[in-house]
Amino acid sequence: MKIKHHLSDELLMAYAAAELPEAFSLVIASHLSMCDECRARSMAFDALGGAVMEDHAVEMSEGSLAACLDRIDTLPQANARALRRSQGIVPAPLLDYLGGSLDQVKWRPLGLGVRQAILRTSDKGASARLLYIPGGAAVPDHGHRGLELTLVLQGAFRDETDRFGPGDVEVADSSVEHTPIAEEGAACICLAATQGALRFNALLPRLAQPFFRI
């Protein structure tokens, strides 16, 4: 897999500092499981954060380490997640959100063969969803009210900026307006995190927004 579009240092640092909404952290974690380059950079930021903490260490209360270890021992699910591997096109961090596999996804039609599945996250200002775009189909022309990260899991799409294939991440903000079109062949399946509602230019998509939560 040759990945061309990577995450910025700013996003990786915000991810390392746990400053991002869950929806964006999910996309970034999924990309890191696919991309050796970004994973290495992310580990470097983690190490830097650890060094900063050591330089500004505070004295821990007696018994705090033991209490922390006890809490870790009571979280078998977290340990199980750490050992999981990707299944097919589904990155390991995404598996729990799908109920275990892509077969568990409950797709909802958006029209012209395009489907989506909104994932449950704790965020109110950001949402995560899977998008299924048949080969040759397009997502209506739109802009953004905030940040949007789109990770390609299968297939590829093109828009006004470039081509995005498996493992690539498109980072779009309020300055970007585009019409993503899936390449012919296999359907394009993406994991997207969006901050705020999209800005559709055509009337029909705008009317459908409240029903489809896009």
C-alpha atoms as a PDB file:
ATOM      1  CA  MET A   1       0.000   0.000   0.000  1.00  0.00           C
ATOM      2  CA  LYS A   2       1.546   3.313  -1.112  1.00  0.00           C
ATOM      3  CA  ILE A   3       0.141   6.169   0.944  1.00  0.00           C
ATOM      4  CA  LYS A   4       0.541   9.639  -0.533  1.00  0.00           C
ATOM      5  CA  HIS A   5      -1.560  11.865   1.723  1.00  0.00           C
ATOM      6  CA  HIS A   6      -0.480  11.944   5.373  1.00  0.00           C
ATOM      7  CA  LEU A   7      -1.453  13.709   8.595  1.00  0.00           C
ATOM      8  CA  SER A   8       0.089  17.056   9.558  1.00  0.00           C
ATOM      9  CA  ASP A   9       2.369  17.484  12.566  1.00  0.00           C
ATOM     10  CA  GLU A  10      -0.296  19.716  14.128  1.00  0.00           C
ATOM     11  CA  LEU A  11      -2.909  16.956  13.999  1.00  0.00           C
ATOM     12  CA  LEU A  12      -0.491  14.332  15.301  1.00  0.00           C
ATOM     13  CA  MET A  13       0.559  16.557  18.209  1.00  0.00           C
ATOM     14  CA  ALA A  14      -3.075  17.286  19.078  1.00  0.00           C
ATOM     15  CA  TYR A  15      -3.800  13.548  18.932  1.00  0.00           C
ATOM     16  CA  ALA A  16      -0.834  12.772  21.212  1.00  0.00           C
ATOM     17  CA  ALA A  17      -2.061  15.398  23.671  1.00  0.00           C
ATOM     18  CA  ALA A  18      -5.622  13.965  23.596  1.00  0.00           C
ATOM     19  CA  GLU A  19      -6.990  17.339  22.491  1.00  0.00           C
ATOM     20  CA  LEU A  20      -9.190  16.071  19.638  1.00  0.00           C
ATOM     21  CA  PRO A  21     -12.830  14.930  19.642  1.00  0.00           C
ATOM     22  CA  GLU A  22     -13.348  11.169  19.628  1.00  0.00           C
ATOM     23  CA  ALA A  23     -14.476  11.182  15.980  1.00  0.00           C
ATOM     24  CA  PHE A  24     -11.197  12.714  14.787  1.00  0.00           C
ATOM     25  CA  SER A  25      -9.110  10.527  17.092  1.00  0.00           C
ATOM     26  CA  LEU A  26     -10.791   7.473  15.549  1.00  0.00           C
ATOM     27  CA  VAL A  27      -9.822   8.517  12.014  1.00  0.00           C
ATOM     28  CA  ILE A  28      -6.257   9.310  13.082  1.00  0.00           C
ATOM     29  CA  ALA A  29      -5.844   6.035  15.014  1.00  0.00           C
ATOM     30  CA  SER A  30      -7.166   4.118  12.004  1.00  0.00           C
ATOM     31  CA  HIS A  31      -4.749   5.899   9.671  1.00  0.00           C
ATOM     32  CA  LEU A  32      -1.831   5.226  12.033  1.00  0.00           C
ATOM     33  CA  SER A  33      -2.620   1.511  11.921  1.00  0.00           C
ATOM     34  CA  MET A  34      -2.210   1.673   8.118  1.00  0.00           C
ATOM     35  CA  CYS A  35       0.675   4.148   7.730  1.00  0.00           C
ATOM     36  CA  ASP A  36       4.208   3.380   8.934  1.00  0.00           C
ATOM     37  CA  GLU A  37       5.405   6.941   8.311  1.00  0.00           C
ATOM     38  CA  CYS A  38       2.728   8.695  10.365  1.00  0.00           C
ATOM     39  CA  ARG A  39       2.909   6.025  13.076  1.00  0.00           C
ATOM     40  CA  ALA A  40       6.649   6.683  13.496  1.00  0.00           C
ATOM     41  CA  ARG A  41       6.054  10.438  13.709  1.00  0.00           C
ATOM     42  CA  SER A  42       3.234   9.904  16.203  1.00  0.00           C
ATOM     43  CA  MET A  43       5.501   7.766  18.399  1.00  0.00           C
ATOM     44  CA  ALA A  44       8.097  10.543  18.309  1.00  0.00           C
ATOM     45  CA  PHE A  45       5.519  13.047  19.580  1.00  0.00           C
ATOM     46  CA  ASP A  46       4.483  10.585  22.295  1.00  0.00           C
ATOM     47  CA  ALA A  47       8.113  10.280  23.373  1.00  0.00           C
ATOM     48  CA  LEU A  48       8.495  14.050  23.372  1.00  0.00           C
ATOM     49  CA  GLY A  49       5.420  14.389  25.563  1.00  0.00           C
ATOM     50  CA  GLY A  50       6.827  11.802  27.963  1.00  0.00           C
ATOM     51  CA  ALA A  51      10.109  13.695  28.192  1.00  0.00           C
ATOM     52  CA  VAL A  52       8.281  16.942  28.948  1.00  0.00           C
ATOM     53  CA  MET A  53       6.332  15.208  31.717  1.00  0.00           C
ATOM     54  CA  GLU A  54       9.559  13.876  33.230  1.00  0.00           C
ATOM     55  CA  ASP A  55      11.060  17.372  33.230  1.00  0.00           C
ATOM     56  CA  HIS A  56       7.971  18.692  35.037  1.00  0.00           C
ATOM     57  CA  ALA A  57       7.366  15.743  37.319  1.00  0.00           C
ATOM     58  CA  VAL A  58       5.280  16.140  40.446  1.00  0.00           C
ATOM     59  CA  GLU A  59       5.431  14.001  43.545  1.00  0.00           C
ATOM     60  CA  MET A  60       2.799  11.237  43.611  1.00  0.00           C
ATOM     61  CA  SER A  61       0.854  10.423  46.723  1.00  0.00           C
ATOM     62  CA  GLU A  62       1.552   7.162  48.538  1.00  0.00           C
ATOM     63  CA  GLY A  63      -0.300   4.233  46.973  1.00  0.00           C
ATOM     64  CA  SER A  64      -1.184   6.074  43.731  1.00  0.00           C
ATOM     65  CA  LEU A  65       0.876   3.698  41.547  1.00  0.00           C
ATOM     66  CA  ALA A  66      -0.773   0.624  43.078  1.00  0.00           C
ATOM     67  CA  ALA A  67      -4.214   2.170  42.601  1.00  0.00           C
ATOM     68  CA  CYS A  68      -3.444   2.871  38.959  1.00  0.00           C
ATOM     69  CA  LEU A  69      -2.285  -0.715  38.346  1.00  0.00           C
ATOM     70  CA  ASP A  70      -5.432  -2.035  40.016  1.00  0.00           C
ATOM     71  CA  ARG A  71      -7.588   0.000  37.644  1.00  0.00           C
ATOM     72  CA  ILE A  72      -5.680  -1.330  34.620  1.00  0.00           C
ATOM     73  CA  ASP A  73      -6.273  -4.903  35.810  1.00  0.00           C
ATOM     74  CA  THR A  74     -10.033  -4.271  35.824  1.00  0.00           C
ATOM     75  CA  LEU A  75     -10.073  -3.292  32.124  1.00  0.00           C
ATOM     76  CA  PRO A  76      -9.811  -6.567  30.166  1.00  0.00           C
ATOM     77  CA  GLN A  77     -11.604  -5.073  27.160  1.00  0.00           C
ATOM     78  CA  ALA A  78      -8.932  -2.407  26.746  1.00  0.00           C
ATOM     79  CA  ASN A  79      -6.261  -5.124  26.799  1.00  0.00           C
ATOM     80  CA  ALA A  80      -8.178  -7.110  24.197  1.00  0.00           C
ATOM     81  CA  ARG A  81      -8.434  -4.078  21.909  1.00  0.00           C
ATOM     82  CA  ALA A  82      -4.678  -3.543  22.093  1.00  0.00           C
ATOM     83  CA  LEU A  83      -4.106  -7.078  20.767  1.00  0.00           C
ATOM     84  CA  ARG A  84      -6.608  -6.856  17.928  1.00  0.00           C
ATOM     85  CA  ARG A  85      -5.464  -6.806  14.338  1.00  0.00           C
ATOM     86  CA  SER A  86      -7.137  -5.270  11.323  1.00  0.00           C
ATOM     87  CA  GLN A  87      -9.779  -7.418   9.618  1.00  0.00           C
ATOM     88  CA  GLY A  88      -9.827  -7.091   5.843  1.00  0.00           C
ATOM     89  CA  ILE A  89     -10.117  -3.405   4.990  1.00  0.00           C
ATOM     90  CA  VAL A  90     -11.213  -2.489   8.534  1.00  0.00           C
ATOM     91  CA  PRO A  91      -8.411  -1.014  10.700  1.00  0.00           C
ATOM     92  CA  ALA A  92      -8.188  -2.421  14.224  1.00  0.00           C
ATOM     93  CA  PRO A  93      -9.219   0.857  15.970  1.00  0.00           C
ATOM     94  CA  LEU A  94     -12.482   0.835  13.986  1.00  0.00           C
ATOM     95  CA  LEU A  95     -13.581  -2.713  14.807  1.00  0.00           C
ATOM     96  CA  ASP A  96     -15.368  -1.951  18.079  1.00  0.00           C
ATOM     97  CA  TYR A  97     -17.365   0.837  16.445  1.00  0.00           C
ATOM     98  CA  LEU A  98     -18.667  -1.619  13.835  1.00  0.00           C
ATOM     99  CA  GLY A  99     -19.635  -4.364  16.263  1.00  0.00           C
ATOM    100  CA  GLY A 100     -16.745  -6.539  15.111  1.00  0.00           C
ATOM    101  CA  SER A 101     -16.738  -6.510  11.305  1.00  0.00           C
ATOM    102  CA  LEU A 102     -17.866  -4.668   8.183  1.00  0.00           C
ATOM    103  CA  ASP A 103     -20.717  -7.178   7.847  1.00  0.00           C
ATOM    104  CA  GLN A 104     -22.315  -5.666  10.961  1.00  0.00           C
ATOM    105  CA  VAL A 105     -22.652  -2.197   9.411  1.00  0.00           C
ATOM    106  CA  LYS A 106     -26.218  -0.948   8.993  1.00  0.00           C
ATOM    107  CA  TRP A 107     -25.996   1.205   5.894  1.00  0.00           C
ATOM    108  CA  ARG A 108     -28.502   3.959   5.206  1.00  0.00           C
ATOM    109  CA  PRO A 109     -29.058   5.058   1.575  1.00  0.00           C
ATOM    110  CA  LEU A 110     -28.337   8.671   0.656  1.00  0.00           C
ATOM    111  CA  GLY A 111     -29.289   8.417  -3.019  1.00  0.00           C
ATOM    112  CA  LEU A 112     -27.598   7.434  -6.292  1.00  0.00           C
ATOM    113  CA  GLY A 113     -26.165   4.336  -4.613  1.00  0.00           C
ATOM    114  CA  VAL A 114     -24.253   6.301  -1.972  1.00  0.00           C
ATOM    115  CA  ARG A 115     -24.731   4.971   1.578  1.00  0.00           C
ATOM    116  CA  GLN A 116     -23.591   5.967   5.034  1.00  0.00           C
ATOM    117  CA  ALA A 117     -23.447   4.562   8.546  1.00  0.00           C
ATOM    118  CA  ILE A 118     -23.127   7.019  11.423  1.00  0.00           C
ATOM    119  CA  LEU A 119     -20.891   5.700  14.198  1.00  0.00           C
ATOM    120  CA  ARG A 120     -21.652   6.238  17.860  1.00  0.00           C
ATOM    121  CA  THR A 121     -19.164   8.559  19.536  1.00  0.00           C
ATOM    122  CA  SER A 122     -19.243  10.782  22.607  1.00  0.00           C
ATOM    123  CA  ASP A 123     -18.900  14.003  20.613  1.00  0.00           C
ATOM    124  CA  LYS A 124     -21.612  16.602  20.118  1.00  0.00           C
ATOM    125  CA  GLY A 125     -19.692  18.952  17.858  1.00  0.00           C
ATOM    126  CA  ALA A 126     -18.125  16.269  15.634  1.00  0.00           C
ATOM    127  CA  SER A 127     -19.441  13.101  13.990  1.00  0.00           C
ATOM    128  CA  ALA A 128     -17.882   9.960  12.512  1.00  0.00           C
ATOM    129  CA  ARG A 129     -19.373   7.932   9.693  1.00  0.00           C
ATOM    130  CA  LEU A 130     -18.610   5.312   7.090  1.00  0.00           C
ATOM    131  CA  LEU A 131     -19.329   6.243   3.486  1.00  0.00           C
ATOM    132  CA  TYR A 132     -19.968   3.763   0.674  1.00  0.00           C
ATOM    133  CA  ILE A 133     -19.665   5.344  -2.782  1.00  0.00           C
ATOM    134  CA  PRO A 134     -20.196   3.077  -5.825  1.00  0.00           C
ATOM    135  CA  GLY A 135     -17.608   3.261  -8.587  1.00  0.00           C
ATOM    136  CA  GLY A 136     -18.263   6.334 -10.730  1.00  0.00           C
ATOM    137  CA  ALA A 137     -20.713   7.897  -8.255  1.00  0.00           C
ATOM    138  CA  ALA A 138     -20.224  11.340  -6.729  1.00  0.00           C
ATOM    139  CA  VAL A 139     -20.891  13.058  -3.430  1.00  0.00           C
ATOM    140  CA  PRO A 140     -22.699  16.376  -4.125  1.00  0.00           C
ATOM    141  CA  ASP A 141     -20.614  19.525  -4.342  1.00  0.00           C
ATOM    142  CA  HIS A 142     -20.101  20.879  -0.833  1.00  0.00           C
ATOM    143  CA  GLY A 143     -18.008  23.000   1.494  1.00  0.00           C
ATOM    144  CA  HIS A 144     -17.296  22.728   5.226  1.00  0.00           C
ATOM    145  CA  ARG A 145     -18.133  24.646   8.374  1.00  0.00           C
ATOM    146  CA  GLY A 146     -15.192  23.098  10.226  1.00  0.00           C
ATOM    147  CA  LEU A 147     -12.533  20.433   9.889  1.00  0.00           C
ATOM    148  CA  GLU A 148     -13.183  17.190   7.997  1.00  0.00           C
ATOM    149  CA  LEU A 149     -10.862  14.160   7.861  1.00  0.00           C
ATOM    150  CA  THR A 150     -11.606  11.455   5.300  1.00  0.00           C
ATOM    151  CA  LEU A 151      -9.647   8.181   5.347  1.00  0.00           C
ATOM    152  CA  VAL A 152      -9.959   5.833   2.376  1.00  0.00           C
ATOM    153  CA  LEU A 153     -10.332   2.171   3.358  1.00  0.00           C
ATOM    154  CA  GLN A 154     -11.126   0.697  -0.066  1.00  0.00           C
ATOM    155  CA  GLY A 155     -11.171   1.965  -3.639  1.00  0.00           C
ATOM    156  CA  ALA A 156     -10.312   5.572  -4.417  1.00  0.00           C
ATOM    157  CA  PHE A 157     -11.862   8.937  -5.136  1.00  0.00           C
ATOM    158  CA  ARG A 158     -10.810  12.117  -6.868  1.00  0.00           C
ATOM    159  CA  ASP A 159     -11.804  15.704  -6.291  1.00  0.00           C
ATOM    160  CA  GLU A 160     -10.565  19.174  -7.192  1.00  0.00           C
ATOM    161  CA  THR A 161      -7.438  18.703  -5.077  1.00  0.00           C
ATOM    162  CA  ASP A 162      -6.049  15.235  -5.930  1.00  0.00           C
ATOM    163  CA  ARG A 163      -6.606  11.467  -5.959  1.00  0.00           C
ATOM    164  CA  PHE A 164      -7.016   9.597  -2.664  1.00  0.00           C
ATOM    165  CA  GLY A 165      -6.491   5.835  -2.408  1.00  0.00           C
ATOM    166  CA  PRO A 166      -6.385   3.286   0.448  1.00  0.00           C
ATOM    167  CA  GLY A 167      -4.692   4.730   3.529  1.00  0.00           C
ATOM    168  CA  ASP A 168      -4.764   8.308   2.240  1.00  0.00           C
ATOM    169  CA  VAL A 169      -6.330  11.033   4.387  1.00  0.00           C
ATOM    170  CA  GLU A 170      -7.912  14.140   2.930  1.00  0.00           C
ATOM    171  CA  VAL A 171      -7.880  17.080   5.323  1.00  0.00           C
ATOM    172  CA  ALA A 172     -10.514  19.664   4.422  1.00  0.00           C
ATOM    173  CA  ASP A 173     -11.436  22.868   6.226  1.00  0.00           C
ATOM    174  CA  SER A 174     -13.761  25.805   5.617  1.00  0.00           C
ATOM    175  CA  SER A 175     -11.640  26.941   2.658  1.00  0.00           C
ATOM    176  CA  VAL A 176     -12.259  23.714   0.703  1.00  0.00           C
ATOM    177  CA  GLU A 177     -15.175  23.134  -1.675  1.00  0.00           C
ATOM    178  CA  HIS A 178     -15.141  19.898  -3.652  1.00  0.00           C
ATOM    179  CA  THR A 179     -17.076  17.146  -5.409  1.00  0.00           C
ATOM    180  CA  PRO A 180     -15.564  13.753  -4.500  1.00  0.00           C
ATOM    181  CA  ILE A 181     -16.085  11.180  -7.272  1.00  0.00           C
ATOM    182  CA  ALA A 182     -15.306   7.488  -6.737  1.00  0.00           C
ATOM    183  CA  GLU A 183     -13.111   5.878  -9.367  1.00  0.00           C
ATOM    184  CA  GLU A 184     -14.640   3.222 -11.588  1.00  0.00           C
ATOM    185  CA  GLY A 185     -14.346  -0.312 -10.287  1.00  0.00           C
ATOM    186  CA  ALA A 186     -14.594  -1.291  -6.634  1.00  0.00           C
ATOM    187  CA  ALA A 187     -16.803   0.863  -4.432  1.00  0.00           C
ATOM    188  CA  CYS A 188     -14.980   3.508  -2.437  1.00  0.00           C
ATOM    189  CA  ILE A 189     -15.415   3.024   1.325  1.00  0.00           C
ATOM    190  CA  CYS A 190     -14.236   5.832   3.585  1.00  0.00           C
ATOM    191  CA  LEU A 191     -14.161   6.688   7.264  1.00  0.00           C
ATOM    192  CA  ALA A 192     -14.926  10.378   7.750  1.00  0.00           C
ATOM    193  CA  ALA A 193     -14.976  12.686  10.761  1.00  0.00           C
ATOM    194  CA  THR A 194     -16.742  16.012  10.363  1.00  0.00           C
ATOM    195  CA  GLN A 195     -16.953  19.093  12.542  1.00  0.00           C
ATOM    196  CA  GLY A 196     -20.304  20.784  12.032  1.00  0.00           C
ATOM    197  CA  ALA A 197     -22.702  20.306   9.124  1.00  0.00           C
ATOM    198  CA  LEU A 198     -21.554  20.354   5.508  1.00  0.00           C
ATOM    199  CA  ARG A 199     -22.395  23.298   3.223  1.00  0.00           C
ATOM    200  CA  PHE A 200     -24.118  21.864   0.153  1.00  0.00           C
ATOM    201  CA  ASN A 201     -24.486  24.142  -2.853  1.00  0.00           C
ATOM    202  CA  ALA A 202     -27.493  22.386  -4.414  1.00  0.00           C
ATOM    203  CA  LEU A 203     -31.004  22.694  -2.980  1.00  0.00           C
ATOM    204  CA  LEU A 204     -31.922  18.997  -2.695  1.00  0.00           C
ATOM    205  CA  PRO A 205     -28.907  17.978  -0.566  1.00  0.00           C
ATOM    206  CA  ARG A 206     -29.576  20.976   1.707  1.00  0.00           C
ATOM    207  CA  LEU A 207     -33.193  19.864   2.181  1.00  0.00           C
ATOM    208  CA  ALA A 208     -32.067  16.302   2.976  1.00  0.00           C
ATOM    209  CA  GLN A 209     -29.425  17.326   5.536  1.00  0.00           C
ATOM    210  CA  PRO A 210     -31.621  17.226   8.661  1.00  0.00           C
ATOM    211  CA  PHE A 211     -32.799  13.698   7.805  1.00  0.00           C
ATOM    212  CA  PHE A 212     -29.387  12.256   6.976  1.00  0.00           C
ATOM    213  CA  ARG A 213     -27.431  14.198   9.647  1.00  0.00           C
ATOM    214  CA  ILE A 214     -24.740  15.333   7.230  1.00  0.00           C
END
